[in-house]
């Protein structure tokens, strides 16, 4: 800062510095929140992928087992498909309570931190 500056010029310089600092702080807070949200989503996506693979393999095993019990292998796959159809129907009916609201609340809570 220039020592020959008038008090008004000094005030304007400080206001400009404050504005720049405020904008930089806003940018850094936005980056921090975005990184937090994306890292949480990446972790959840990884867990979902692993759980999906687990469920897929177990489903195939259960389908073969039920098919053995019923005498025809494809009967087991029909039974497992029926269970998944029922689960899908329940998810569709309760999608707002079980999926939409928890996801919204999670995103909002991450943004408020």
PDB file of N, CA and C in Angstrom:
ATOM      1  N   UNK A   1       0.845  -1.170   0.000  1.00  0.00           N
ATOM      2  CA  UNK A   1       0.000   0.000   0.000  1.00  0.00           C
ATOM      3  C   UNK A   1       0.889   1.232   0.000  1.00  0.00           C
ATOM      4  N   UNK A   2       0.464   2.258  -0.660  1.00  0.00           N
ATOM      5  CA  UNK A   2       1.220   3.498  -0.807  1.00  0.00           C
ATOM      6  C   UNK A   2       1.046   4.366   0.436  1.00  0.00           C
ATOM      7  N   UNK A   3       2.150   4.876   0.983  1.00  0.00           N
ATOM      8  CA  UNK A   3       2.081   5.720   2.184  1.00  0.00           C
ATOM      9  C   UNK A   3       1.504   7.092   1.888  1.00  0.00           C
ATOM     10  N   UNK A   4       1.535   7.539   0.646  1.00  0.00           N
ATOM     11  CA  UNK A   4       1.028   8.858   0.260  1.00  0.00           C
ATOM     12  C   UNK A   4      -0.467   8.821  -0.013  1.00  0.00           C
ATOM     13  N   UNK A   5      -1.116   7.705   0.164  1.00  0.00           N
ATOM     14  CA  UNK A   5      -2.528   7.557  -0.165  1.00  0.00           C
ATOM     15  C   UNK A   5      -3.381   8.315   0.840  1.00  0.00           C
ATOM     16  N   UNK A   6      -4.473   8.862   0.353  1.00  0.00           N
ATOM     17  CA  UNK A   6      -5.409   9.559   1.225  1.00  0.00           C
ATOM     18  C   UNK A   6      -6.233   8.528   1.978  1.00  0.00           C
ATOM     19  N   UNK A   7      -6.905   8.934   3.057  1.00  0.00           N
ATOM     20  CA  UNK A   7      -7.723   7.979   3.811  1.00  0.00           C
ATOM     21  C   UNK A   7      -8.817   7.329   2.956  1.00  0.00           C
ATOM     22  N   UNK A   8      -9.371   8.058   2.013  1.00  0.00           N
ATOM     23  CA  UNK A   8     -10.422   7.503   1.153  1.00  0.00           C
ATOM     24  C   UNK A   8      -9.827   6.430   0.243  1.00  0.00           C
ATOM     25  N   UNK A   9      -8.660   6.697  -0.331  1.00  0.00           N
ATOM     26  CA  UNK A   9      -8.000   5.704  -1.184  1.00  0.00           C
ATOM     27  C   UNK A   9      -7.630   4.468  -0.379  1.00  0.00           C
ATOM     28  N   UNK A  10      -7.169   4.688   0.840  1.00  0.00           N
ATOM     29  CA  UNK A  10      -6.832   3.574   1.720  1.00  0.00           C
ATOM     30  C   UNK A  10      -8.066   2.734   2.024  1.00  0.00           C
ATOM     31  N   UNK A  11      -9.187   3.410   2.265  1.00  0.00           N
ATOM     32  CA  UNK A  11     -10.448   2.711   2.541  1.00  0.00           C
ATOM     33  C   UNK A  11     -10.886   1.881   1.334  1.00  0.00           C
ATOM     34  N   UNK A  12     -10.795   2.478   0.141  1.00  0.00           N
ATOM     35  CA  UNK A  12     -11.162   1.746  -1.074  1.00  0.00           C
ATOM     36  C   UNK A  12     -10.253   0.540  -1.292  1.00  0.00           C
ATOM     37  N   UNK A  13      -8.960   0.706  -1.007  1.00  0.00           N
ATOM     38  CA  UNK A  13      -8.015  -0.404  -1.169  1.00  0.00           C
ATOM     39  C   UNK A  13      -8.359  -1.539  -0.205  1.00  0.00           C
ATOM     40  N   UNK A  14      -8.680  -1.195   1.032  1.00  0.00           N
ATOM     41  CA  UNK A  14      -9.045  -2.227   2.016  1.00  0.00           C
ATOM     42  C   UNK A  14     -10.353  -2.910   1.630  1.00  0.00           C
ATOM     43  N   UNK A  15     -11.319  -2.143   1.127  1.00  0.00           N
ATOM     44  CA  UNK A  15     -12.591  -2.735   0.686  1.00  0.00           C
ATOM     45  C   UNK A  15     -12.357  -3.679  -0.488  1.00  0.00           C
ATOM     46  N   UNK A  16     -11.477  -3.293  -1.401  1.00  0.00           N
ATOM     47  CA  UNK A  16     -11.159  -4.153  -2.544  1.00  0.00           C
ATOM     48  C   UNK A  16     -10.479  -5.438  -2.077  1.00  0.00           C
ATOM     49  N   UNK A  17      -9.540  -5.309  -1.154  1.00  0.00           N
ATOM     50  CA  UNK A  17      -8.877  -6.495  -0.600  1.00  0.00           C
ATOM     51  C   UNK A  17      -9.875  -7.397   0.114  1.00  0.00           C
ATOM     52  N   UNK A  18     -10.789  -6.802   0.864  1.00  0.00           N
ATOM     53  CA  UNK A  18     -11.815  -7.575   1.568  1.00  0.00           C
ATOM     54  C   UNK A  18     -12.706  -8.308   0.569  1.00  0.00           C
ATOM     55  N   UNK A  19     -13.101  -7.645  -0.496  1.00  0.00           N
ATOM     56  CA  UNK A  19     -13.940  -8.264  -1.522  1.00  0.00           C
ATOM     57  C   UNK A  19     -13.244  -9.442  -2.181  1.00  0.00           C
ATOM     58  N   UNK A  20     -11.965  -9.261  -2.519  1.00  0.00           N
ATOM     59  CA  UNK A  20     -11.208 -10.357  -3.128  1.00  0.00           C
ATOM     60  C   UNK A  20     -11.086 -11.545  -2.169  1.00  0.00           C
ATOM     61  N   UNK A  21     -10.808 -11.241  -0.911  1.00  0.00           N
ATOM     62  CA  UNK A  21     -10.673 -12.305   0.084  1.00  0.00           C
ATOM     63  C   UNK A  21     -11.994 -13.039   0.281  1.00  0.00           C
ATOM     64  N   UNK A  22     -13.098 -12.293   0.301  1.00  0.00           N
ATOM     65  CA  UNK A  22     -14.416 -12.908   0.468  1.00  0.00           C
ATOM     66  C   UNK A  22     -14.744 -13.822  -0.708  1.00  0.00           C
ATOM     67  N   UNK A  23     -14.441 -13.366  -1.915  1.00  0.00           N
ATOM     68  CA  UNK A  23     -14.699 -14.189  -3.107  1.00  0.00           C
ATOM     69  C   UNK A  23     -13.838 -15.442  -3.077  1.00  0.00           C
ATOM     70  N   UNK A  24     -12.568 -15.298  -2.704  1.00  0.00           N
ATOM     71  CA  UNK A  24     -11.672 -16.452  -2.624  1.00  0.00           C
ATOM     72  C   UNK A  24     -12.162 -17.448  -1.573  1.00  0.00           C
ATOM     73  N   UNK A  25     -12.624 -16.938  -0.423  1.00  0.00           N
ATOM     74  CA  UNK A  25     -13.159 -17.808   0.626  1.00  0.00           C
ATOM     75  C   UNK A  25     -14.404 -18.540   0.137  1.00  0.00           C
ATOM     76  N   UNK A  26     -15.277 -17.853  -0.585  1.00  0.00           N
ATOM     77  CA  UNK A  26     -16.473 -18.488  -1.138  1.00  0.00           C
ATOM     78  C   UNK A  26     -16.095 -19.600  -2.107  1.00  0.00           C
ATOM     79  N   UNK A  27     -15.105 -19.345  -2.974  1.00  0.00           N
ATOM     80  CA  UNK A  27     -14.649 -20.360  -3.927  1.00  0.00           C
ATOM     81  C   UNK A  27     -14.104 -21.589  -3.190  1.00  0.00           C
ATOM     82  N   UNK A  28     -13.279 -21.340  -2.169  1.00  0.00           N
ATOM     83  CA  UNK A  28     -12.686 -22.458  -1.435  1.00  0.00           C
ATOM     84  C   UNK A  28     -13.743 -23.262  -0.685  1.00  0.00           C
ATOM     85  N   UNK A  29     -14.738 -22.591  -0.114  1.00  0.00           N
ATOM     86  CA  UNK A  29     -15.828 -23.309   0.569  1.00  0.00           C
ATOM     87  C   UNK A  29     -16.633 -24.138  -0.424  1.00  0.00           C
ATOM     88  N   UNK A  30     -16.882 -23.588  -1.615  1.00  0.00           N
ATOM     89  CA  UNK A  30     -17.623 -24.329  -2.635  1.00  0.00           C
ATOM     90  C   UNK A  30     -16.834 -25.555  -3.093  1.00  0.00           C
ATOM     91  N   UNK A  31     -15.531 -25.394  -3.266  1.00  0.00           N
ATOM     92  CA  UNK A  31     -14.689 -26.519  -3.670  1.00  0.00           C
ATOM     93  C   UNK A  31     -14.683 -27.589  -2.585  1.00  0.00           C
ATOM     94  N   UNK A  32     -14.586 -27.171  -1.329  1.00  0.00           N
ATOM     95  CA  UNK A  32     -14.571 -28.121  -0.215  1.00  0.00           C
ATOM     96  C   UNK A  32     -15.883 -28.910  -0.144  1.00  0.00           C
ATOM     97  N   UNK A  33     -17.001 -28.207  -0.273  1.00  0.00           N
ATOM     98  CA  UNK A  33     -18.290 -28.900  -0.217  1.00  0.00           C
ATOM     99  C   UNK A  33     -18.480 -29.829  -1.407  1.00  0.00           C
ATOM    100  N   UNK A  34     -18.070 -29.388  -2.582  1.00  0.00           N
ATOM    101  CA  UNK A  34     -18.190 -30.230  -3.776  1.00  0.00           C
ATOM    102  C   UNK A  34     -17.330 -31.477  -3.648  1.00  0.00           C
ATOM    103  N   UNK A  35     -16.109 -31.304  -3.171  1.00  0.00           N
ATOM    104  CA  UNK A  35     -15.227 -32.456  -2.996  1.00  0.00           C
ATOM    105  C   UNK A  35     -15.799 -33.420  -1.967  1.00  0.00           C
ATOM    106  N   UNK A  36     -16.387 -32.893  -0.910  1.00  0.00           N
ATOM    107  CA  UNK A  36     -16.993 -33.740   0.117  1.00  0.00           C
ATOM    108  C   UNK A  36     -18.159 -34.542  -0.460  1.00  0.00           C
ATOM    109  N   UNK A  37     -19.002 -33.895  -1.231  1.00  0.00           N
ATOM    110  CA  UNK A  37     -20.157 -34.578  -1.830  1.00  0.00           C
ATOM    111  C   UNK A  37     -19.689 -35.648  -2.822  1.00  0.00           C
ATOM    112  N   UNK A  38     -18.752 -35.301  -3.691  1.00  0.00           N
ATOM    113  CA  UNK A  38     -18.303 -36.260  -4.700  1.00  0.00           C
ATOM    114  C   UNK A  38     -17.552 -37.430  -4.079  1.00  0.00           C
ATOM    115  N   UNK A  39     -16.780 -37.175  -3.028  1.00  0.00           N
ATOM    116  CA  UNK A  39     -16.080 -38.297  -2.386  1.00  0.00           C
ATOM    117  C   UNK A  39     -17.074 -39.213  -1.680  1.00  0.00           C
ATOM    118  N   UNK A  40     -18.106 -38.636  -1.078  1.00  0.00           N
ATOM    119  CA  UNK A  40     -19.146 -39.461  -0.453  1.00  0.00           C
ATOM    120  C   UNK A  40     -19.874 -40.288  -1.502  1.00  0.00           C
ATOM    121  N   UNK A  41     -20.193 -39.669  -2.631  1.00  0.00           N
ATOM    122  CA  UNK A  41     -20.872 -40.401  -3.710  1.00  0.00           C
ATOM    123  C   UNK A  41     -19.986 -41.508  -4.263  1.00  0.00           C
ATOM    124  N   UNK A  42     -18.694 -41.246  -4.394  1.00  0.00           N
ATOM    125  CA  UNK A  42     -17.775 -42.270  -4.903  1.00  0.00           C
ATOM    126  C   UNK A  42     -17.697 -43.452  -3.944  1.00  0.00           C
ATOM    127  N   UNK A  43     -17.640 -43.171  -2.648  1.00  0.00           N
ATOM    128  CA  UNK A  43     -17.599 -44.249  -1.656  1.00  0.00           C
ATOM    129  C   UNK A  43     -18.893 -45.055  -1.687  1.00  0.00           C
ATOM    130  N   UNK A  44     -20.020 -44.360  -1.763  1.00  0.00           N
ATOM    131  CA  UNK A  44     -21.301 -45.054  -1.799  1.00  0.00           C
ATOM    132  C   UNK A  44     -21.447 -45.855  -3.084  1.00  0.00           C
ATOM    133  N   UNK A  45     -20.966 -45.320  -4.201  1.00  0.00           N
ATOM    134  CA  UNK A  45     -21.041 -46.039  -5.469  1.00  0.00           C
ATOM    135  C   UNK A  45     -20.199 -47.312  -5.428  1.00  0.00           C
ATOM    136  N   UNK A  46     -19.029 -47.233  -4.813  1.00  0.00           N
ATOM    137  CA  UNK A  46     -18.184 -48.420  -4.669  1.00  0.00           C
ATOM    138  C   UNK A  46     -18.890 -49.495  -3.848  1.00  0.00           C
ATOM    139  N   UNK A  47     -19.493 -49.100  -2.753  1.00  0.00           N
ATOM    140  CA  UNK A  47     -20.222 -50.046  -1.902  1.00  0.00           C
ATOM    141  C   UNK A  47     -21.400 -50.642  -2.665  1.00  0.00           C
ATOM    142  N   UNK A  48     -22.098 -49.817  -3.430  1.00  0.00           N
ATOM    143  CA  UNK A  48     -23.246 -50.307  -4.202  1.00  0.00           C
ATOM    144  C   UNK A  48     -22.794 -51.324  -5.251  1.00  0.00           C
ATOM    145  N   UNK A  49     -21.685 -51.064  -5.914  1.00  0.00           N
ATOM    146  CA  UNK A  49     -21.185 -52.006  -6.928  1.00  0.00           C
ATOM    147  C   UNK A  49     -20.817 -53.339  -6.295  1.00  0.00           C
ATOM    148  N   UNK A  50     -20.119 -53.301  -5.169  1.00  0.00           N
ATOM    149  CA  UNK A  50     -19.728 -54.542  -4.494  1.00  0.00           C
ATOM    150  C   UNK A  50     -20.962 -55.292  -4.001  1.00  0.00           C
ATOM    151  N   UNK A  51     -21.924 -54.568  -3.429  1.00  0.00           N
ATOM    152  CA  UNK A  51     -23.152 -55.210  -2.948  1.00  0.00           C
ATOM    153  C   UNK A  51     -23.937 -55.817  -4.117  1.00  0.00           C
ATOM    154  N   UNK A  52     -23.957 -55.124  -5.252  1.00  0.00           N
ATOM    155  CA  UNK A  52     -24.667 -55.640  -6.427  1.00  0.00           C
ATOM    156  C   UNK A  52     -24.030 -56.935  -6.927  1.00  0.00           C
ATOM    157  N   UNK A  53     -22.713 -56.962  -6.990  1.00  0.00           N
ATOM    158  CA  UNK A  53     -22.037 -58.191  -7.410  1.00  0.00           C
ATOM    159  C   UNK A  53     -22.321 -59.337  -6.433  1.00  0.00           C
ATOM    160  N   UNK A  54     -22.302 -59.034  -5.144  1.00  0.00           N
ATOM    161  CA  UNK A  54     -22.602 -60.048  -4.134  1.00  0.00           C
ATOM    162  C   UNK A  54     -24.018 -60.584  -4.315  1.00  0.00           C
ATOM    163  N   UNK A  55     -24.972 -59.686  -4.468  1.00  0.00           N
ATOM    164  CA  UNK A  55     -26.373 -60.093  -4.627  1.00  0.00           C
ATOM    165  C   UNK A  55     -26.550 -60.903  -5.909  1.00  0.00           C
ATOM    166  N   UNK A  56     -25.865 -60.505  -6.971  1.00  0.00           N
ATOM    167  CA  UNK A  56     -25.965 -61.236  -8.239  1.00  0.00           C
ATOM    168  C   UNK A  56     -25.477 -62.674  -8.095  1.00  0.00           C
ATOM    169  N   UNK A  57     -24.326 -62.836  -7.481  1.00  0.00           N
ATOM    170  CA  UNK A  57     -23.769 -64.184  -7.325  1.00  0.00           C
ATOM    171  C   UNK A  57     -24.633 -65.029  -6.393  1.00  0.00           C
ATOM    172  N   UNK A  58     -25.087 -64.439  -5.306  1.00  0.00           N
ATOM    173  CA  UNK A  58     -25.959 -65.182  -4.383  1.00  0.00           C
ATOM    174  C   UNK A  58     -27.276 -65.533  -5.075  1.00  0.00           C
ATOM    175  N   UNK A  59     -27.801 -64.624  -5.872  1.00  0.00           N
ATOM    176  CA  UNK A  59     -29.056 -64.893  -6.587  1.00  0.00           C
ATOM    177  C   UNK A  59     -28.918 -66.069  -7.541  1.00  0.00           C
ATOM    178  N   UNK A  60     -27.810 -66.132  -8.244  1.00  0.00           N
ATOM    179  CA  UNK A  60     -27.596 -67.259  -9.158  1.00  0.00           C
ATOM    180  C   UNK A  60     -27.525 -68.564  -8.375  1.00  0.00           C
ATOM    181  N   UNK A  61     -26.807 -68.532  -7.258  1.00  0.00           N
ATOM    182  CA  UNK A  61     -26.722 -69.729  -6.423  1.00  0.00           C
ATOM    183  C   UNK A  61     -28.069 -70.153  -5.878  1.00  0.00           C
ATOM    184  N   UNK A  62     -28.846 -69.189  -5.398  1.00  0.00           N
ATOM    185  CA  UNK A  62     -30.179 -69.501  -4.863  1.00  0.00           C
ATOM    186  C   UNK A  62     -31.086 -70.023  -5.971  1.00  0.00           C
ATOM    187  N   UNK A  63     -30.976 -69.436  -7.163  1.00  0.00           N
ATOM    188  CA  UNK A  63     -31.804 -69.897  -8.284  1.00  0.00           C
ATOM    189  C   UNK A  63     -31.492 -71.354  -8.637  1.00  0.00           C
ATOM    190  N   UNK A  64     -30.196 -71.697  -8.669  1.00  0.00           N
ATOM    191  CA  UNK A  64     -29.845 -73.083  -8.927  1.00  0.00           C
ATOM    192  C   UNK A  64     -30.331 -74.007  -7.815  1.00  0.00           C
ATOM    193  N   UNK A  65     -30.216 -73.578  -6.581  1.00  0.00           N
ATOM    194  CA  UNK A  65     -30.639 -74.382  -5.437  1.00  0.00           C
ATOM    195  C   UNK A  65     -32.155 -74.614  -5.465  1.00  0.00           C
ATOM    196  N   UNK A  66     -32.922 -73.525  -5.688  1.00  0.00           N
ATOM    197  CA  UNK A  66     -34.382 -73.674  -5.764  1.00  0.00           C
ATOM    198  C   UNK A  66     -34.756 -74.535  -6.971  1.00  0.00           C
ATOM    199  N   UNK A  67     -34.045 -74.352  -8.075  1.00  0.00           N
ATOM    200  CA  UNK A  67     -34.296 -75.175  -9.257  1.00  0.00           C
ATOM    201  C   UNK A  67     -34.053 -76.643  -8.990  1.00  0.00           C
ATOM    202  N   UNK A  68     -33.018 -76.947  -8.215  1.00  0.00           N
ATOM    203  CA  UNK A  68     -32.760 -78.338  -7.818  1.00  0.00           C
ATOM    204  C   UNK A  68     -33.899 -78.880  -6.980  1.00  0.00           C
ATOM    205  N   UNK A  69     -34.393 -78.061  -6.058  1.00  0.00           N
ATOM    206  CA  UNK A  69     -35.491 -78.505  -5.188  1.00  0.00           C
ATOM    207  C   UNK A  69     -36.777 -78.720  -5.979  1.00  0.00           C
ATOM    208  N   UNK A  70     -37.009 -77.883  -6.988  1.00  0.00           N
ATOM    209  CA  UNK A  70     -38.248 -77.983  -7.766  1.00  0.00           C
ATOM    210  C   UNK A  70     -38.133 -78.949  -8.944  1.00  0.00           C
ATOM    211  N   UNK A  71     -36.948 -79.408  -9.240  1.00  0.00           N
ATOM    212  CA  UNK A  71     -36.797 -80.399 -10.297  1.00  0.00           C
ATOM    213  C   UNK A  71     -36.369 -79.839 -11.631  1.00  0.00           C
ATOM    214  N   UNK A  72     -36.553 -78.585 -11.894  1.00  0.00           N
ATOM    215  CA  UNK A  72     -36.138 -77.942 -13.148  1.00  0.00           C
ATOM    216  C   UNK A  72     -35.344 -76.683 -12.786  1.00  0.00           C
ATOM    217  N   UNK A  73     -34.185 -76.536 -13.361  1.00  0.00           N
ATOM    218  CA  UNK A  73     -33.318 -75.411 -13.019  1.00  0.00           C
ATOM    219  C   UNK A  73     -33.972 -74.066 -13.304  1.00  0.00           C
ATOM    220  N   UNK A  74     -34.662 -73.978 -14.429  1.00  0.00           N
ATOM    221  CA  UNK A  74     -35.241 -72.687 -14.793  1.00  0.00           C
ATOM    222  C   UNK A  74     -36.365 -72.265 -13.848  1.00  0.00           C
ATOM    223  N   UNK A  75     -37.000 -73.198 -13.132  1.00  0.00           N
ATOM    224  CA  UNK A  75     -37.998 -72.820 -12.126  1.00  0.00           C
ATOM    225  C   UNK A  75     -37.366 -71.944 -11.040  1.00  0.00           C
ATOM    226  N   UNK A  76     -36.166 -72.296 -10.650  1.00  0.00           N
ATOM    227  CA  UNK A  76     -35.465 -71.513  -9.644  1.00  0.00           C
ATOM    228  C   UNK A  76     -35.223 -70.086 -10.112  1.00  0.00           C
ATOM    229  N   UNK A  77     -34.869 -69.932 -11.382  1.00  0.00           N
ATOM    230  CA  UNK A  77     -34.650 -68.578 -11.907  1.00  0.00           C
ATOM    231  C   UNK A  77     -35.962 -67.797 -11.983  1.00  0.00           C
ATOM    232  N   UNK A  78     -37.065 -68.491 -12.292  1.00  0.00           N
ATOM    233  CA  UNK A  78     -38.363 -67.816 -12.295  1.00  0.00           C
ATOM    234  C   UNK A  78     -38.740 -67.351 -10.893  1.00  0.00           C
ATOM    235  N   UNK A  79     -38.487 -68.169  -9.896  1.00  0.00           N
ATOM    236  CA  UNK A  79     -38.808 -67.798  -8.513  1.00  0.00           C
ATOM    237  C   UNK A  79     -37.971 -66.593  -8.078  1.00  0.00           C
ATOM    238  N   UNK A  80     -36.685 -66.631  -8.368  1.00  0.00           N
ATOM    239  CA  UNK A  80     -35.815 -65.509  -7.993  1.00  0.00           C
ATOM    240  C   UNK A  80     -36.236 -64.241  -8.747  1.00  0.00           C
ATOM    241  N   UNK A  81     -36.566 -64.370 -10.020  1.00  0.00           N
ATOM    242  CA  UNK A  81     -37.037 -63.215 -10.791  1.00  0.00           C
ATOM    243  C   UNK A  81     -38.329 -62.659 -10.202  1.00  0.00           C
ATOM    244  N   UNK A  82     -39.219 -63.547  -9.752  1.00  0.00           N
ATOM    245  CA  UNK A  82     -40.455 -63.095  -9.115  1.00  0.00           C
ATOM    246  C   UNK A  82     -40.182 -62.326  -7.827  1.00  0.00           C
ATOM    247  N   UNK A  83     -39.220 -62.798  -7.053  1.00  0.00           N
ATOM    248  CA  UNK A  83     -38.856 -62.074  -5.819  1.00  0.00           C
ATOM    249  C   UNK A  83     -38.321 -60.693  -6.171  1.00  0.00           C
ATOM    250  N   UNK A  84     -37.470 -60.621  -7.201  1.00  0.00           N
ATOM    251  CA  UNK A  84     -36.950 -59.314  -7.606  1.00  0.00           C
ATOM    252  C   UNK A  84     -38.046 -58.421  -8.164  1.00  0.00           C
ATOM    253  N   UNK A  85     -39.011 -58.977  -8.856  1.00  0.00           N
ATOM    254  CA  UNK A  85     -40.141 -58.186  -9.347  1.00  0.00           C
ATOM    255  C   UNK A  85     -40.931 -57.612  -8.176  1.00  0.00           C
ATOM    256  N   UNK A  86     -41.133 -58.419  -7.133  1.00  0.00           N
ATOM    257  CA  UNK A  86     -41.837 -57.944  -5.946  1.00  0.00           C
ATOM    258  C   UNK A  86     -41.048 -56.832  -5.250  1.00  0.00           C
ATOM    259  N   UNK A  87     -39.745 -57.022  -5.114  1.00  0.00           N
ATOM    260  CA  UNK A  87     -38.893 -55.993  -4.500  1.00  0.00           C
ATOM    261  C   UNK A  87     -38.917 -54.715  -5.343  1.00  0.00           C
ATOM    262  N   UNK A  88     -38.849 -54.863  -6.666  1.00  0.00           N
ATOM    263  CA  UNK A  88     -38.917 -53.707  -7.557  1.00  0.00           C
ATOM    264  C   UNK A  88     -40.231 -52.962  -7.428  1.00  0.00           C
ATOM    265  N   UNK A  89     -41.320 -53.701  -7.311  1.00  0.00           N
ATOM    266  CA  UNK A  89     -42.630 -53.078  -7.128  1.00  0.00           C
ATOM    267  C   UNK A  89     -42.692 -52.313  -5.811  1.00  0.00           C
ATOM    268  N   UNK A  90     -42.172 -52.908  -4.749  1.00  0.00           N
ATOM    269  CA  UNK A  90     -42.148 -52.217  -3.457  1.00  0.00           C
ATOM    270  C   UNK A  90     -41.286 -50.960  -3.512  1.00  0.00           C
ATOM    271  N   UNK A  91     -40.139 -51.055  -4.180  1.00  0.00           N
ATOM    272  CA  UNK A  91     -39.285 -49.877  -4.330  1.00  0.00           C
ATOM    273  C   UNK A  91     -39.985 -48.782  -5.133  1.00  0.00           C
ATOM    274  N   UNK A  92     -40.723 -49.186  -6.151  1.00  0.00           N
ATOM    275  CA  UNK A  92     -41.452 -48.201  -6.938  1.00  0.00           C
ATOM    276  C   UNK A  92     -42.539 -47.529  -6.107  1.00  0.00           C
ATOM    277  N   UNK A  93     -43.252 -48.288  -5.326  1.00  0.00           N
ATOM    278  CA  UNK A  93     -44.337 -47.732  -4.512  1.00  0.00           C
ATOM    279  C   UNK A  93     -43.792 -46.794  -3.435  1.00  0.00           C
ATOM    280  N   UNK A  94     -42.701 -47.194  -2.784  1.00  0.00           N
ATOM    281  CA  UNK A  94     -42.158 -46.413  -1.673  1.00  0.00           C
ATOM    282  C   UNK A  94     -40.903 -45.635  -2.062  1.00  0.00           C
ATOM    283  N   UNK A  95     -40.749 -45.327  -3.347  1.00  0.00           N
ATOM    284  CA  UNK A  95     -39.527 -44.672  -3.809  1.00  0.00           C
ATOM    285  C   UNK A  95     -39.299 -43.318  -3.150  1.00  0.00           C
ATOM    286  N   UNK A  96     -40.334 -42.570  -2.883  1.00  0.00           N
ATOM    287  CA  UNK A  96     -40.179 -41.246  -2.262  1.00  0.00           C
ATOM    288  C   UNK A  96     -39.641 -41.383  -0.839  1.00  0.00           C
ATOM    289  N   UNK A  97     -40.197 -42.301  -0.057  1.00  0.00           N
ATOM    290  CA  UNK A  97     -39.793 -42.467   1.340  1.00  0.00           C
ATOM    291  C   UNK A  97     -38.437 -43.151   1.465  1.00  0.00           C
ATOM    292  N   UNK A  98     -38.170 -44.131   0.629  1.00  0.00           N
ATOM    293  CA  UNK A  98     -36.970 -44.958   0.802  1.00  0.00           C
ATOM    294  C   UNK A  98     -35.765 -44.449   0.025  1.00  0.00           C
ATOM    295  N   UNK A  99     -35.997 -43.712  -1.065  1.00  0.00           N
ATOM    296  CA  UNK A  99     -34.874 -43.299  -1.903  1.00  0.00           C
ATOM    297  C   UNK A  99     -34.759 -41.770  -1.991  1.00  0.00           C
ATOM    298  N   UNK A 100     -35.825 -41.110  -2.448  1.00  0.00           N
ATOM    299  CA  UNK A 100     -35.743 -39.677  -2.741  1.00  0.00           C
ATOM    300  C   UNK A 100     -35.444 -38.844  -1.500  1.00  0.00           C
ATOM    301  N   UNK A 101     -36.220 -39.014  -0.450  1.00  0.00           N
ATOM    302  CA  UNK A 101     -36.027 -38.200   0.749  1.00  0.00           C
ATOM    303  C   UNK A 101     -34.683 -38.449   1.434  1.00  0.00           C
ATOM    304  N   UNK A 102     -34.233 -39.702   1.604  1.00  0.00           N
ATOM    305  CA  UNK A 102     -32.906 -39.891   2.217  1.00  0.00           C
ATOM    306  C   UNK A 102     -31.767 -39.293   1.388  1.00  0.00           C
ATOM    307  N   UNK A 103     -31.853 -39.405   0.057  1.00  0.00           N
ATOM    308  CA  UNK A 103     -30.804 -38.828  -0.788  1.00  0.00           C
ATOM    309  C   UNK A 103     -30.823 -37.307  -0.687  1.00  0.00           C
ATOM    310  N   UNK A 104     -32.015 -36.712  -0.747  1.00  0.00           N
ATOM    311  CA  UNK A 104     -32.125 -35.262  -0.594  1.00  0.00           C
ATOM    312  C   UNK A 104     -31.568 -34.804   0.746  1.00  0.00           C
ATOM    313  N   UNK A 105     -31.938 -35.500   1.812  1.00  0.00           N
ATOM    314  CA  UNK A 105     -31.460 -35.122   3.143  1.00  0.00           C
ATOM    315  C   UNK A 105     -29.950 -35.260   3.257  1.00  0.00           C
ATOM    316  N   UNK A 106     -29.395 -36.283   2.645  1.00  0.00           N
ATOM    317  CA  UNK A 106     -27.950 -36.478   2.689  1.00  0.00           C
ATOM    318  C   UNK A 106     -27.225 -35.354   1.965  1.00  0.00           C
ATOM    319  N   UNK A 107     -27.709 -34.972   0.792  1.00  0.00           N
ATOM    320  CA  UNK A 107     -27.077 -33.894   0.043  1.00  0.00           C
ATOM    321  C   UNK A 107     -27.200 -32.578   0.795  1.00  0.00           C
ATOM    322  N   UNK A 108     -28.369 -32.292   1.345  1.00  0.00           N
ATOM    323  CA  UNK A 108     -28.571 -31.062   2.102  1.00  0.00           C
ATOM    324  C   UNK A 108     -27.674 -31.007   3.322  1.00  0.00           C
ATOM    325  N   UNK A 109     -27.543 -32.116   4.034  1.00  0.00           N
ATOM    326  CA  UNK A 109     -26.686 -32.124   5.224  1.00  0.00           C
ATOM    327  C   UNK A 109     -25.225 -31.914   4.851  1.00  0.00           C
ATOM    328  N   UNK A 110     -24.789 -32.455   3.707  1.00  0.00           N
ATOM    329  CA  UNK A 110     -23.409 -32.221   3.257  1.00  0.00           C
ATOM    330  C   UNK A 110     -23.212 -30.769   2.866  1.00  0.00           C
ATOM    331  N   UNK A 111     -24.215 -30.149   2.260  1.00  0.00           N
ATOM    332  CA  UNK A 111     -24.080 -28.750   1.839  1.00  0.00           C
ATOM    333  C   UNK A 111     -24.096 -27.795   3.028  1.00  0.00           C
ATOM    334  N   UNK A 112     -24.748 -28.180   4.128  1.00  0.00           N
ATOM    335  CA  UNK A 112     -24.834 -27.293   5.289  1.00  0.00           C
ATOM    336  C   UNK A 112     -23.612 -27.344   6.170  1.00  0.00           C
ATOM    337  N   UNK A 113     -22.744 -28.305   5.972  1.00  0.00           N
ATOM    338  CA  UNK A 113     -21.553 -28.419   6.832  1.00  0.00           C
ATOM    339  C   UNK A 113     -20.567 -27.337   6.513  1.00  0.00           C
TER     340      UNK A 113
END
